[in-house]
Amino acid sequence: MLTAYVFCLAVGGGLLALSFFGDFLEADVDLDADVDVDADLDGISAGTGIAQVFSVRALINAIFGFGAAGALLHLVWGGGQPMLTAAIAGATGLGSGALISTVFAYLKRTESGALKGEESFVGLTGEVSLEVGPGSHGTVTVRRGDRRVRLRARAADASGGTPALGPGQAVVVVDMNDGIAAVAPVGPKLLED
């Protein structure tokens, strides 16, 4: 049974590590993939709670929890309690899968940690990094929180009444549309406030 515990520990732990460190490795691993099940399980539709428990993320966490608990208990008890070890490992696996599934369901339901939309750039000040002409697009760099973000930009005055905004000029984002910021020049008084 130790072989099964170690296998589950390695597979579950490897997939969890890949999901955590995937950004560094430039891997695209989505453990939150929703599986669309078109079946009816004794009157329970697939879109309700039972289908959410069997997500890929919950399965991987359950496998890891089962393998970790089983391997640890096997080593602690020297393999002397195989039935108790299997029962505790199974309960730990199911518990960890259910806990992770519940936490991520809560986060999805409350939209905690959701990325801010492009409207969150409106009102931010920044500076022109590539000239924004009356009829052409350029780029501006704004600061949102502790990050500097470069945005495609156009002049907010569509009539062409404002002169070109040169690199280094202070601007404010007045509107966002399809990822393009409409910017207007600002004076030093606004930047101080």
Protein backbone atom coordinates (compact mmCIF):
# COMPACT_ATOMS: atom_id res chain seq x y z
CA MET A 1 0.00 0.00 0.00
CA LEU A 2 2.98 2.30 0.53
CA THR A 3 3.53 2.26 -3.24
CA ALA A 4 0.03 3.65 -3.81
CA TYR A 5 0.56 6.38 -1.20
CA VAL A 6 3.90 7.43 -2.67
CA PHE A 7 2.45 7.38 -6.20
CA CYS A 8 -0.48 9.60 -5.19
CA LEU A 9 1.85 11.89 -3.27
CA ALA A 10 4.16 12.25 -6.27
CA VAL A 11 1.41 12.75 -8.88
CA GLY A 12 -0.73 15.06 -6.75
CA GLY A 13 2.26 16.99 -5.43
CA GLY A 14 3.76 17.30 -8.90
CA LEU A 15 0.55 18.68 -10.36
CA LEU A 16 0.11 21.08 -7.44
CA ALA A 17 3.72 22.27 -7.79
CA LEU A 18 3.23 22.74 -11.52
CA SER A 19 0.12 24.82 -10.88
CA PHE A 20 1.89 26.99 -8.28
CA PHE A 21 5.10 27.46 -10.23
CA GLY A 22 3.54 27.39 -13.71
CA ASP A 23 3.97 31.14 -14.13
CA PHE A 24 7.71 30.84 -13.66
CA LEU A 25 7.94 27.96 -16.12
CA GLU A 26 5.57 29.70 -18.55
CA ALA A 27 3.30 26.68 -18.44
CA ASP A 28 -0.43 27.09 -18.86
CA VAL A 29 -1.99 24.78 -16.31
CA ASP A 30 -5.60 25.42 -15.31
CA LEU A 31 -6.69 23.31 -12.37
CA ASP A 32 -9.99 25.16 -12.24
CA ALA A 33 -11.21 23.66 -15.50
CA ASP A 34 -14.92 23.12 -15.35
CA VAL A 35 -16.16 19.88 -16.80
CA ASP A 36 -19.62 20.09 -18.33
CA VAL A 37 -21.38 16.88 -17.42
CA ASP A 38 -24.65 16.26 -19.25
CA ALA A 39 -26.09 13.64 -16.95
CA ASP A 40 -28.58 13.31 -14.15
CA LEU A 41 -27.38 11.47 -11.04
CA ASP A 42 -30.48 10.26 -9.17
CA GLY A 43 -32.27 13.58 -9.56
CA ILE A 44 -29.21 15.73 -8.88
CA SER A 45 -28.40 17.89 -11.87
CA ALA A 46 -24.77 18.19 -12.93
CA GLY A 47 -24.68 21.93 -12.24
CA THR A 48 -25.32 21.56 -8.52
CA GLY A 49 -23.06 20.75 -5.57
CA ILE A 50 -22.07 17.18 -6.47
CA ALA A 51 -20.56 18.23 -9.81
CA GLN A 52 -18.62 21.03 -8.14
CA VAL A 53 -17.02 18.61 -5.67
CA PHE A 54 -15.61 16.53 -8.54
CA SER A 55 -13.61 19.34 -10.17
CA VAL A 56 -10.07 18.73 -11.38
CA ARG A 57 -8.67 20.94 -8.60
CA ALA A 58 -10.56 18.99 -5.92
CA LEU A 59 -9.45 15.66 -7.40
CA ILE A 60 -5.77 16.68 -7.44
CA ASN A 61 -5.93 17.95 -3.86
CA ALA A 62 -7.70 14.78 -2.75
CA ILE A 63 -5.02 12.61 -4.39
CA PHE A 64 -2.27 14.65 -2.76
CA GLY A 65 -3.98 14.56 0.67
CA PHE A 66 -4.50 10.80 0.41
CA GLY A 67 -0.89 10.17 -0.60
CA ALA A 68 0.64 12.50 1.99
CA ALA A 69 -1.42 11.23 4.90
CA GLY A 70 -1.01 7.58 3.89
CA ALA A 71 2.75 7.80 3.41
CA LEU A 72 3.24 9.70 6.67
CA LEU A 73 1.11 7.31 8.72
CA HIS A 74 2.72 4.28 7.09
CA LEU A 75 6.15 5.58 8.10
CA VAL A 76 5.02 6.56 11.64
CA TRP A 77 3.37 3.21 12.35
CA GLY A 78 5.90 1.16 10.39
CA GLY A 79 3.17 -0.35 8.23
CA GLY A 80 1.58 -2.02 11.27
CA GLN A 81 -1.91 -0.50 10.91
CA PRO A 82 -2.77 -0.84 7.17
CA MET A 83 -6.57 -0.60 7.52
CA LEU A 84 -6.47 2.37 9.90
CA THR A 85 -3.86 4.07 7.72
CA ALA A 86 -6.02 3.60 4.60
CA ALA A 87 -9.13 4.88 6.39
CA ILE A 88 -7.41 7.99 7.73
CA ALA A 89 -5.67 8.64 4.40
CA GLY A 90 -8.98 8.31 2.53
CA ALA A 91 -10.73 10.67 4.93
CA THR A 92 -7.87 13.15 4.70
CA GLY A 93 -7.93 13.03 0.91
CA LEU A 94 -11.69 13.57 0.73
CA GLY A 95 -11.49 16.30 3.36
CA SER A 96 -8.71 18.21 1.62
CA GLY A 97 -10.47 17.96 -1.75
CA ALA A 98 -13.75 19.17 -0.25
CA LEU A 99 -12.05 21.99 1.67
CA ILE A 100 -10.21 23.30 -1.39
CA SER A 101 -13.36 23.00 -3.50
CA THR A 102 -15.36 24.94 -0.89
CA VAL A 103 -12.73 27.68 -0.62
CA PHE A 104 -12.52 28.18 -4.38
CA ALA A 105 -16.32 28.11 -4.72
CA TYR A 106 -16.49 30.89 -2.13
CA LEU A 107 -13.82 32.91 -3.91
CA LYS A 108 -15.61 32.50 -7.24
CA ARG A 109 -18.98 33.39 -5.73
CA THR A 110 -17.69 36.55 -4.02
CA GLU A 111 -15.35 37.50 -6.88
CA SER A 112 -12.50 37.86 -4.38
CA GLY A 113 -9.19 38.27 -6.14
CA ALA A 114 -10.88 39.05 -9.46
CA LEU A 115 -8.85 41.09 -11.86
CA LYS A 116 -9.91 44.68 -12.11
CA GLY A 117 -11.47 45.66 -15.40
CA GLU A 118 -10.22 48.31 -17.73
CA GLU A 119 -12.54 50.88 -16.11
CA SER A 120 -10.21 50.82 -13.10
CA PHE A 121 -7.69 52.83 -15.11
CA VAL A 122 -10.04 55.82 -15.43
CA GLY A 123 -8.80 58.69 -13.29
CA LEU A 124 -5.21 57.48 -13.02
CA THR A 125 -2.41 59.82 -13.94
CA GLY A 126 0.66 58.85 -15.85
CA GLU A 127 3.00 59.99 -18.54
CA VAL A 128 3.23 59.61 -22.27
CA SER A 129 5.82 57.06 -23.36
CA LEU A 130 5.13 57.16 -27.12
CA GLU A 131 3.69 60.32 -28.69
CA VAL A 132 -0.10 60.55 -28.81
CA GLY A 133 -1.10 62.60 -31.84
CA PRO A 134 -4.50 64.13 -32.67
CA GLY A 135 -5.40 61.31 -35.07
CA SER A 136 -3.00 58.58 -34.00
CA HIS A 137 -2.47 56.20 -31.12
CA GLY A 138 0.51 56.22 -28.80
CA THR A 139 1.25 54.72 -25.39
CA VAL A 140 1.10 55.98 -21.83
CA THR A 141 2.46 54.50 -18.62
CA VAL A 142 0.27 54.70 -15.51
CA ARG A 143 0.74 53.44 -11.98
CA ARG A 144 -1.98 51.27 -10.45
CA GLY A 145 -1.08 50.17 -6.96
CA ASP A 146 2.56 49.11 -7.00
CA ARG A 147 2.59 48.25 -10.71
CA ARG A 148 3.40 50.34 -13.74
CA VAL A 149 1.12 49.54 -16.66
CA ARG A 150 1.65 50.56 -20.27
CA LEU A 151 -1.55 51.29 -22.19
CA ARG A 152 -2.35 52.13 -25.80
CA ALA A 153 -3.70 55.64 -25.82
CA ARG A 154 -5.48 58.21 -27.94
CA ALA A 155 -6.22 61.88 -27.31
CA ALA A 156 -9.45 62.42 -25.37
CA ASP A 157 -10.32 65.39 -27.59
CA ALA A 158 -11.48 63.60 -30.75
CA SER A 159 -11.89 66.87 -32.67
CA GLY A 160 -8.13 67.25 -32.94
CA GLY A 161 -8.13 70.57 -31.04
CA THR A 162 -5.32 69.52 -28.70
CA PRO A 163 -1.73 69.38 -29.88
CA ALA A 164 0.23 66.13 -29.83
CA LEU A 165 1.17 64.85 -26.41
CA GLY A 166 4.91 64.24 -26.33
CA PRO A 167 6.92 61.68 -24.37
CA GLY A 168 7.20 62.51 -20.67
CA GLN A 169 4.10 64.73 -20.64
CA ALA A 170 1.74 64.20 -17.71
CA VAL A 171 -1.71 62.89 -18.63
CA VAL A 172 -4.86 61.58 -16.97
CA VAL A 173 -6.94 58.68 -18.26
CA VAL A 174 -10.49 60.01 -18.82
CA ASP A 175 -12.02 56.95 -20.53
CA MET A 176 -11.21 53.39 -21.57
CA ASN A 177 -12.68 51.69 -24.62
CA ASP A 178 -11.58 48.27 -25.92
CA GLY A 179 -8.25 48.51 -24.12
CA ILE A 180 -7.39 51.96 -25.48
CA ALA A 181 -7.13 54.83 -22.98
CA ALA A 182 -8.48 58.26 -23.84
CA VAL A 183 -6.04 60.67 -22.21
CA ALA A 184 -5.95 64.41 -21.57
CA PRO A 185 -3.01 66.56 -20.53
CA VAL A 186 -2.86 67.66 -16.90
CA GLY A 187 -1.16 70.55 -15.25
CA PRO A 188 1.21 70.40 -12.29
CA LYS A 189 -1.58 71.48 -9.87
CA LEU A 190 -3.58 68.28 -10.54
CA LEU A 191 -0.51 66.10 -10.08
CA GLU A 192 0.15 67.61 -6.63
CA ASP A 193 -3.37 66.78 -5.45
